Amino acid sequence: MEDFNIPSAERVAQLKLLQEAIGDVPPYFWAACQVCHVEALEPSSFSLCTF
């Protein structure tokens, strides 16, 4: 279980992959990623997103 103040190692790893895939985005995008479901951050979900 995650504590919302401390992201899990899984979330940090997924966010790093996402950052490499999409590059620079506004800070509020990353804020939303901090509270979204971890499964939404999986690389297989990246192709479902339109940026």
Protein backbone atom coordinates (compact mmCIF):
# COMPACT_ATOMS: atom_id res chain seq x y z
CA MET A 1 0.00 0.00 0.00
CA GLU A 2 1.24 3.48 -0.83
CA ASP A 3 1.39 6.44 1.45
CA PHE A 4 0.40 9.42 -0.71
CA ASN A 5 3.30 11.46 0.68
CA ILE A 6 5.87 8.82 -0.28
CA PRO A 7 5.55 7.24 -3.75
CA SER A 8 6.28 3.54 -4.07
CA ALA A 9 9.36 2.32 -5.93
CA GLU A 10 7.01 0.95 -8.61
CA ARG A 11 5.40 4.39 -9.13
CA VAL A 12 8.80 6.12 -9.32
CA ALA A 13 10.03 3.62 -11.91
CA GLN A 14 6.86 4.01 -14.00
CA LEU A 15 7.09 7.82 -13.83
CA LYS A 16 10.70 7.70 -15.04
CA LEU A 17 9.67 5.58 -18.03
CA LEU A 18 6.80 7.92 -18.77
CA GLN A 19 9.06 10.96 -18.59
CA GLU A 20 11.47 9.34 -21.05
CA ALA A 21 8.57 8.56 -23.40
CA ILE A 22 6.92 12.00 -23.43
CA GLY A 23 9.58 14.47 -22.34
CA ASP A 24 8.74 17.78 -20.71
CA VAL A 25 5.19 18.43 -19.56
CA PRO A 26 3.65 20.92 -17.10
CA PRO A 27 4.04 20.25 -13.35
CA TYR A 28 0.30 19.70 -12.93
CA PHE A 29 0.56 16.66 -15.22
CA TRP A 30 3.07 15.09 -12.82
CA ALA A 31 0.85 16.00 -9.87
CA ALA A 32 -2.00 14.06 -11.47
CA CYS A 33 0.34 11.11 -12.04
CA GLN A 34 1.13 11.06 -8.32
CA VAL A 35 -2.47 10.24 -7.45
CA CYS A 36 -3.56 8.13 -10.43
CA HIS A 37 -3.71 4.35 -10.27
CA VAL A 38 -0.29 2.74 -10.77
CA GLU A 39 -1.64 0.50 -13.55
CA ALA A 40 -2.39 3.63 -15.59
CA LEU A 41 1.35 4.36 -15.58
CA GLU A 42 2.39 1.01 -17.06
CA PRO A 43 4.16 1.23 -20.44
CA SER A 44 1.39 -0.80 -22.10
CA SER A 45 -0.96 2.08 -21.25
CA PHE A 46 1.25 4.70 -22.91
CA SER A 47 -0.06 3.90 -26.38
CA LEU A 48 -3.62 4.51 -25.15
CA CYS A 49 -2.80 8.11 -24.23
CA THR A 50 -2.80 10.98 -26.66
CA PHE A 51 -0.56 13.86 -25.71
